[in-house]
Amino acid sequence: MDRESIGTSLESALPPAWILALEQFSAALEREGVAAPTHKAYASDLAELAVWSAKRDRNPDQLRARDLRRHAAELSQRGLVPSTIARRLAAFRSFFRNMMLAGQIDQNPAELLSAPRLRRDLPDVLSAAEVDRLLASIPARTPLETRDRAMFELAYSSGLRAGEIVALDLGAIDFDSESIRVEGKGSKTRTVPVGEPAAKAVSAWLAKGRGALVSDADQAALFISRHGRRLSTSDVRRRLKLWAQRAGLPGGIHPHALRHSFATHLLDGGADLRSIQEMLGHESISTTQVYTRVESARLKSAWRSAHPRA
């Protein structure tokens, strides 16, 4: 939301008060280390609110809860799904909170708005046998196969997001302590255990795979492409889809399914929810609690199939 991201045409449509408020909010997000996708989404959401407000001759410090409710109602009438509206309300709350901290308003009007009720689908989870079948399908004969085996062993062993996998640098894994240092959302760093199969797979990749692909001695990425560049998240998704198909698993499996499976299997094994929250890097325990619903659904399914009076 600096002048470049606001855009020339949009900037000309906004009064100076809105331009200044958006620039100040963008700077606050930068200081807080907000992830780039969230920053971009908030910029888009607030730019639309700014245009909507400017058409009604309302500066940011003049907006009230009733104005935001009216704007949210119009978004709903346009067909925006509840999750998108909820994200926009989160952007508004953050924006006006920043104005409060700057002493520009006395009350956050967005705090008085209720978020739409969201339908929370259960995450896709593989069984332990399916994870074994997937990983066993990667033979680790060529450098790319060795890389993929290490990458997905690590993703499942430590519950990593696709973005966290590709962001790993050399030295992230401490083989002595059997742990890995991960930079998660919001540049928050956490340390997660690494299982023996994953450690062995990464060690094999470093010993006989990576050297065959790297072309730049200064390349710091742990996992690299055939051309020696850091992988993208789309590369990870594409390779997982390939191996899932070869293992006879559903083609729609995505990297997050390994993360979901990691958490669910830990819960099955008796791990407490707080420990799982810490390993996943969830800011709120409520985000982690979805895995208790997975476990509950699994138990209900077993009950229905086995109980004589189900």
Foldseek 3Di string as FASTA:
>chain_A
DQDVLCDDVLVVLADPLLNVLLNLLLVVCVVLLADPVLSSLLSVLSSVVRNVQVVVVHGPQRDALVSVVVVLVVVVVVPDDLVSSLSSLVSLQSSVVSCVVVVNYVDRRSVPDDRDDDDDDQDAADDPVLLVLLLVLQPLPALVSLLLSLLLLQCLQQLDDLVFSLPDFPPQADPVVQWGWTQDGSRDIAITHHDPSNSVSLVCSVPPRLVCQADDPPAGTSHADSNRHRDDSVVSQVVSLVSCVSSVHDSPDGSNNSSLNSLLVCVVVPDDLVVNCRSNVPPDSVVSCSSVVVVVVVVVVVCVVPPPVD
